[in-house]
N, C-alpha and C. Protein backbone atom coordinates (compact mmCIF):
# COMPACT_ATOMS: atom_id res chain seq x y z
N MET A 1 0.82 -1.18 0.00
CA MET A 1 -0.06 -0.07 0.02
C MET A 1 0.90 1.24 -0.03
N ASP A 2 2.03 1.19 0.66
CA ASP A 2 2.95 2.32 0.58
C ASP A 2 3.39 2.84 -0.67
N ARG A 3 3.55 1.64 -1.73
CA ARG A 3 3.97 2.19 -3.01
C ARG A 3 2.59 2.71 -3.92
N THR A 4 1.50 2.21 -3.54
CA THR A 4 0.48 2.84 -4.09
C THR A 4 0.20 4.24 -3.76
N VAL A 5 0.31 4.66 -2.43
CA VAL A 5 0.24 6.00 -1.97
C VAL A 5 1.29 6.75 -2.63
N LEU A 6 2.65 6.29 -2.59
CA LEU A 6 3.65 7.10 -3.23
C LEU A 6 3.45 7.32 -4.75
N ALA A 7 2.81 6.25 -5.49
CA ALA A 7 2.68 6.36 -6.86
C ALA A 7 1.72 7.38 -7.02
N ASN A 8 0.53 7.48 -6.25
CA ASN A 8 -0.54 8.40 -6.26
C ASN A 8 0.13 9.99 -6.15
N GLU A 9 1.12 9.96 -5.34
CA GLU A 9 1.72 11.25 -4.99
C GLU A 9 2.65 11.72 -6.20
N ARG A 10 3.37 10.68 -6.83
CA ARG A 10 4.08 11.07 -7.92
C ARG A 10 3.35 11.38 -9.23
N THR A 11 2.13 10.83 -9.37
CA THR A 11 1.41 11.13 -10.31
C THR A 11 0.93 12.45 -10.23
N PHE A 12 0.42 13.06 -9.01
CA PHE A 12 -0.03 14.09 -8.67
C PHE A 12 1.13 15.22 -9.11
N ALA A 13 2.23 15.06 -8.72
CA ALA A 13 3.45 15.75 -9.02
C ALA A 13 3.68 15.95 -10.48
N ALA A 14 3.50 14.86 -11.11
CA ALA A 14 3.71 14.90 -12.61
C ALA A 14 2.66 15.72 -13.26
N TRP A 15 1.44 15.72 -12.72
CA TRP A 15 0.47 16.57 -13.54
C TRP A 15 0.67 18.01 -13.14
N ILE A 16 1.12 18.26 -11.93
CA ILE A 16 1.39 19.68 -11.52
C ILE A 16 2.67 20.17 -12.36
N ARG A 17 3.62 19.37 -12.62
CA ARG A 17 4.83 19.75 -13.28
C ARG A 17 4.43 19.90 -14.79
N SER A 18 3.55 19.15 -15.32
CA SER A 18 3.07 19.33 -16.72
C SER A 18 2.22 20.67 -16.84
N GLY A 19 1.44 20.85 -15.83
CA GLY A 19 0.59 22.11 -15.80
C GLY A 19 1.51 23.35 -15.82
N LEU A 20 2.50 23.29 -14.91
CA LEU A 20 3.51 24.46 -14.87
C LEU A 20 4.32 24.63 -16.08
N ALA A 21 4.71 23.60 -16.80
CA ALA A 21 5.43 23.59 -18.03
C ALA A 21 4.70 24.29 -19.00
N CYS A 22 3.46 24.01 -19.07
CA CYS A 22 2.41 24.53 -20.04
C CYS A 22 2.17 26.03 -19.76
N LEU A 23 2.11 26.46 -18.51
CA LEU A 23 1.84 27.90 -18.19
C LEU A 23 3.20 28.64 -18.53
N ILE A 24 4.21 28.13 -18.22
CA ILE A 24 5.41 28.93 -18.46
C ILE A 24 5.55 28.90 -20.04
N SER A 25 5.26 27.94 -20.76
CA SER A 25 5.35 27.93 -22.23
C SER A 25 4.41 28.86 -22.86
N GLY A 26 3.18 28.95 -22.26
CA GLY A 26 2.21 29.97 -22.82
C GLY A 26 2.61 31.44 -22.69
N LEU A 27 3.17 31.55 -21.37
CA LEU A 27 3.69 33.03 -21.08
C LEU A 27 4.75 33.30 -21.78
N GLY A 28 5.66 32.28 -22.07
CA GLY A 28 6.93 32.62 -22.88
C GLY A 28 6.51 32.90 -24.39
N VAL A 29 5.52 32.16 -24.91
CA VAL A 29 5.14 32.48 -26.18
C VAL A 29 4.48 33.93 -26.37
N ALA A 30 3.75 34.32 -25.19
CA ALA A 30 3.05 35.52 -25.37
C ALA A 30 4.21 36.63 -25.13
N ARG A 31 5.30 36.41 -24.24
CA ARG A 31 6.31 37.44 -24.13
C ARG A 31 7.53 37.52 -25.14
N PHE A 32 7.84 36.52 -25.75
CA PHE A 32 9.06 36.46 -26.65
C PHE A 32 8.72 36.19 -27.99
N MET A 33 7.47 35.91 -28.41
CA MET A 33 7.09 35.73 -29.83
C MET A 33 6.23 36.87 -30.44
N LEU A 34 6.15 37.99 -29.66
CA LEU A 34 5.29 39.07 -30.02
C LEU A 34 5.66 39.74 -31.29
N ASP A 35 6.98 39.84 -31.43
CA ASP A 35 7.42 40.56 -32.57
C ASP A 35 7.65 39.75 -33.79
N THR A 36 7.42 38.38 -33.67
CA THR A 36 7.73 37.45 -34.74
C THR A 36 6.43 36.93 -35.57
N TRP A 37 5.35 36.80 -34.69
CA TRP A 37 4.10 36.24 -35.20
C TRP A 37 3.07 37.26 -35.21
N PRO A 38 1.87 37.01 -35.87
CA PRO A 38 0.69 37.93 -35.80
C PRO A 38 0.08 37.89 -34.40
N PRO A 39 -0.47 38.87 -33.97
CA PRO A 39 -0.93 38.93 -32.50
C PRO A 39 -2.05 37.91 -32.30
N TRP A 40 -2.92 37.73 -33.21
CA TRP A 40 -4.03 36.80 -33.04
C TRP A 40 -3.47 35.36 -32.85
N SER A 41 -2.47 34.95 -33.48
CA SER A 41 -2.02 33.59 -33.52
C SER A 41 -1.20 33.46 -32.05
N ILE A 42 -0.61 34.40 -31.71
CA ILE A 42 0.00 34.39 -30.22
C ILE A 42 -1.08 34.30 -29.22
N ARG A 43 -2.04 35.05 -29.36
CA ARG A 43 -3.31 34.92 -28.28
C ARG A 43 -3.80 33.40 -28.46
N ILE A 44 -3.97 32.88 -29.49
CA ILE A 44 -4.61 31.66 -29.50
C ILE A 44 -3.74 30.53 -28.92
N ILE A 45 -2.38 30.58 -29.45
CA ILE A 45 -1.34 29.65 -28.93
C ILE A 45 -1.23 29.76 -27.33
N ALA A 46 -1.15 31.03 -26.88
CA ALA A 46 -0.89 31.16 -25.45
C ALA A 46 -2.21 30.70 -24.68
N ALA A 47 -3.31 31.01 -25.13
CA ALA A 47 -4.51 30.78 -24.52
C ALA A 47 -4.68 29.14 -24.42
N ILE A 48 -4.35 28.59 -25.57
CA ILE A 48 -4.41 26.96 -25.33
C ILE A 48 -3.47 26.40 -24.42
N LEU A 49 -2.23 26.81 -24.43
CA LEU A 49 -1.29 26.32 -23.35
C LEU A 49 -1.70 26.72 -22.13
N ILE A 50 -2.19 28.00 -21.77
CA ILE A 50 -2.64 28.35 -20.34
C ILE A 50 -3.80 27.51 -20.01
N LEU A 51 -4.76 27.35 -20.88
CA LEU A 51 -5.97 26.58 -20.54
C LEU A 51 -5.63 25.28 -20.21
N PHE A 52 -4.75 24.55 -20.99
CA PHE A 52 -4.33 23.19 -20.66
C PHE A 52 -3.59 23.21 -19.40
N SER A 53 -2.75 24.26 -18.97
CA SER A 53 -2.34 24.18 -17.65
C SER A 53 -3.35 24.18 -16.54
N ALA A 54 -4.40 25.18 -16.70
CA ALA A 54 -5.32 25.03 -15.70
C ALA A 54 -6.04 23.65 -15.64
N ALA A 55 -6.25 23.08 -16.88
CA ALA A 55 -7.00 21.80 -16.85
C ALA A 55 -6.11 20.66 -16.17
N SER A 56 -4.92 20.78 -16.34
CA SER A 56 -3.85 19.87 -15.74
C SER A 56 -3.88 19.99 -14.20
N PHE A 57 -3.89 21.28 -13.74
CA PHE A 57 -3.90 21.42 -12.34
C PHE A 57 -5.22 20.83 -11.58
N LEU A 58 -6.39 21.00 -12.28
CA LEU A 58 -7.69 20.60 -11.80
C LEU A 58 -7.72 18.96 -11.93
N LEU A 59 -7.14 18.40 -13.05
CA LEU A 59 -7.23 17.08 -13.29
C LEU A 59 -6.18 16.27 -12.33
N ALA A 60 -5.09 17.08 -11.88
CA ALA A 60 -4.25 16.50 -10.86
C ALA A 60 -4.90 16.49 -9.58
N GLY A 61 -5.69 17.34 -9.21
CA GLY A 61 -6.44 17.28 -7.91
C GLY A 61 -7.57 16.20 -7.93
N TRP A 62 -8.26 16.09 -9.01
CA TRP A 62 -9.37 15.13 -9.16
C TRP A 62 -8.87 13.72 -9.04
N ARG A 63 -7.68 13.55 -9.82
CA ARG A 63 -7.20 12.02 -9.82
C ARG A 63 -6.63 11.57 -8.45
N TYR A 64 -6.00 12.66 -7.89
CA TYR A 64 -5.33 12.32 -6.42
C TYR A 64 -6.68 12.04 -5.50
N HIS A 65 -7.63 12.92 -5.62
CA HIS A 65 -8.82 12.73 -4.71
C HIS A 65 -9.42 11.49 -4.97
N HIS A 66 -9.77 10.96 -6.18
CA HIS A 66 -10.36 9.72 -6.29
C HIS A 66 -9.72 8.44 -5.85
N LEU A 67 -8.23 8.48 -5.93
CA LEU A 67 -7.48 7.39 -5.36
C LEU A 67 -7.45 7.47 -3.81
N HIS A 68 -7.36 8.79 -3.38
CA HIS A 68 -7.22 9.04 -2.00
C HIS A 68 -8.49 8.41 -1.19
N LEU A 69 -9.68 8.47 -1.83
CA LEU A 69 -10.82 8.03 -1.14
C LEU A 69 -10.87 6.64 -1.10
N ARG A 70 -10.15 5.88 -2.03
CA ARG A 70 -10.09 4.43 -1.78
C ARG A 70 -9.21 3.86 -0.92
N LEU A 71 -8.14 4.79 -0.52
CA LEU A 71 -7.11 4.47 0.45
C LEU A 71 -7.29 5.15 1.78
N VAL A 72 -8.43 5.53 2.15
CA VAL A 72 -8.74 6.24 3.35
C VAL A 72 -8.54 5.18 4.58
N HIS A 73 -8.88 3.90 4.24
CA HIS A 73 -8.75 3.02 5.32
C HIS A 73 -7.51 2.40 5.64
N VAL A 74 -6.47 2.68 4.72
CA VAL A 74 -5.12 2.23 5.01
C VAL A 74 -4.43 3.18 5.80
N ASP A 75 -3.62 2.47 6.80
CA ASP A 75 -2.93 3.26 7.76
C ASP A 75 -1.49 3.79 7.23
N VAL A 76 -1.52 4.60 6.27
CA VAL A 76 -0.32 5.20 5.69
C VAL A 76 -0.33 6.74 5.53
N ASP A 77 0.70 7.27 5.91
CA ASP A 77 0.66 8.79 5.80
C ASP A 77 0.75 9.23 4.39
N MET A 78 -0.43 10.10 4.20
CA MET A 78 -0.53 10.70 2.97
C MET A 78 -0.60 12.20 2.91
N VAL A 79 -0.40 12.82 1.95
CA VAL A 79 -0.62 14.30 1.72
C VAL A 79 -2.02 14.59 2.07
N PRO A 80 -2.43 15.53 2.98
CA PRO A 80 -3.86 15.74 3.29
C PRO A 80 -4.58 16.09 2.01
N LEU A 81 -5.76 15.69 1.83
CA LEU A 81 -6.63 16.08 0.73
C LEU A 81 -6.98 17.44 0.61
N GLY A 82 -7.17 18.12 1.64
CA GLY A 82 -7.45 19.51 1.71
C GLY A 82 -6.26 20.44 1.14
N LEU A 83 -5.09 19.90 1.48
CA LEU A 83 -3.87 20.56 0.81
C LEU A 83 -3.84 20.43 -0.71
N VAL A 84 -4.17 19.25 -1.11
CA VAL A 84 -4.08 18.92 -2.64
C VAL A 84 -5.11 19.81 -3.19
N ARG A 85 -6.27 19.85 -2.74
CA ARG A 85 -7.49 20.53 -3.29
C ARG A 85 -7.00 21.93 -3.51
N LEU A 86 -6.49 22.61 -2.30
CA LEU A 86 -6.13 24.01 -2.38
C LEU A 86 -5.08 24.21 -3.22
N LEU A 87 -4.01 23.64 -3.37
CA LEU A 87 -2.98 23.62 -4.20
C LEU A 87 -3.47 23.60 -5.70
N SER A 88 -4.23 22.62 -5.99
CA SER A 88 -4.75 22.42 -7.44
C SER A 88 -5.72 23.67 -7.74
N THR A 89 -6.53 24.10 -6.88
CA THR A 89 -7.35 25.29 -7.09
C THR A 89 -6.77 26.51 -7.14
N VAL A 90 -5.71 26.89 -6.40
CA VAL A 90 -4.84 28.12 -6.38
C VAL A 90 -4.17 28.15 -7.67
N LEU A 91 -3.47 27.08 -8.12
CA LEU A 91 -2.80 26.96 -9.38
C LEU A 91 -3.72 27.17 -10.61
N ALA A 92 -4.81 26.66 -10.55
CA ALA A 92 -5.82 26.70 -11.69
C ALA A 92 -6.37 28.31 -11.70
N LEU A 93 -6.55 28.72 -10.55
CA LEU A 93 -6.85 30.36 -10.54
C LEU A 93 -5.76 31.09 -11.21
N CYS A 94 -4.53 30.91 -10.76
CA CYS A 94 -3.41 31.53 -11.17
C CYS A 94 -3.36 31.52 -12.76
N SER A 95 -3.50 30.30 -13.35
CA SER A 95 -3.57 30.11 -14.84
C SER A 95 -4.55 30.89 -15.44
N LEU A 96 -5.65 30.99 -14.93
CA LEU A 96 -6.82 31.82 -15.48
C LEU A 96 -6.46 33.29 -15.33
N LEU A 97 -5.95 33.77 -14.22
CA LEU A 97 -5.51 35.00 -14.12
C LEU A 97 -4.37 35.49 -15.25
N ALA A 98 -3.50 34.57 -15.35
CA ALA A 98 -2.34 34.76 -16.44
C ALA A 98 -3.08 34.86 -17.80
N LEU A 99 -4.00 33.98 -17.98
CA LEU A 99 -4.82 33.93 -19.29
C LEU A 99 -5.38 35.52 -19.40
N LEU A 100 -6.05 35.98 -18.54
CA LEU A 100 -6.62 37.29 -18.70
C LEU A 100 -5.67 38.33 -18.84
N VAL A 101 -4.51 38.28 -18.10
CA VAL A 101 -3.33 39.25 -18.44
C VAL A 101 -2.86 39.21 -19.65
N VAL A 102 -2.63 37.93 -20.19
CA VAL A 102 -2.00 37.80 -21.52
C VAL A 102 -2.98 38.28 -22.59
N TRP A 103 -4.22 38.13 -22.45
CA TRP A 103 -5.24 38.48 -23.34
C TRP A 103 -5.33 39.98 -23.51
N LYS A 104 -5.28 40.69 -22.34
CA LYS A 104 -5.31 42.19 -22.25
C LYS A 104 -4.15 42.69 -22.91
N ILE A 105 -2.99 42.15 -22.64
CA ILE A 105 -1.58 42.84 -22.95
C ILE A 105 -1.48 42.69 -24.56
N ILE A 106 -1.75 41.54 -25.15
CA ILE A 106 -1.58 41.31 -26.66
C ILE A 106 -2.77 41.92 -27.27
N GLU A 107 -2.41 42.90 -28.14
CA GLU A 107 -3.38 43.62 -28.91
C GLU A 107 -3.36 43.30 -30.40
């Protein structure tokens, strides 16, 4: 059971890492490609990457939550579910805020 719990935490970390990579990629496209591509294409590419990052954060929390519910009866130390939900929600909201900022900056 310890390995299952650790695998769940590694999977959560991988989803968060993927979401952060997409968020940074979207912000990088918006920041550094502004002079090379048309603004409408930069908006679309950045929006897709940033929306994927928000979805990745939410999916990470959802997947962790569902396996966590099946492992509640196990006597193994796990990351608290409330902390995982808070982290996933805050990161998703940060992604959406970044999307709004990028959308307003690129004209």
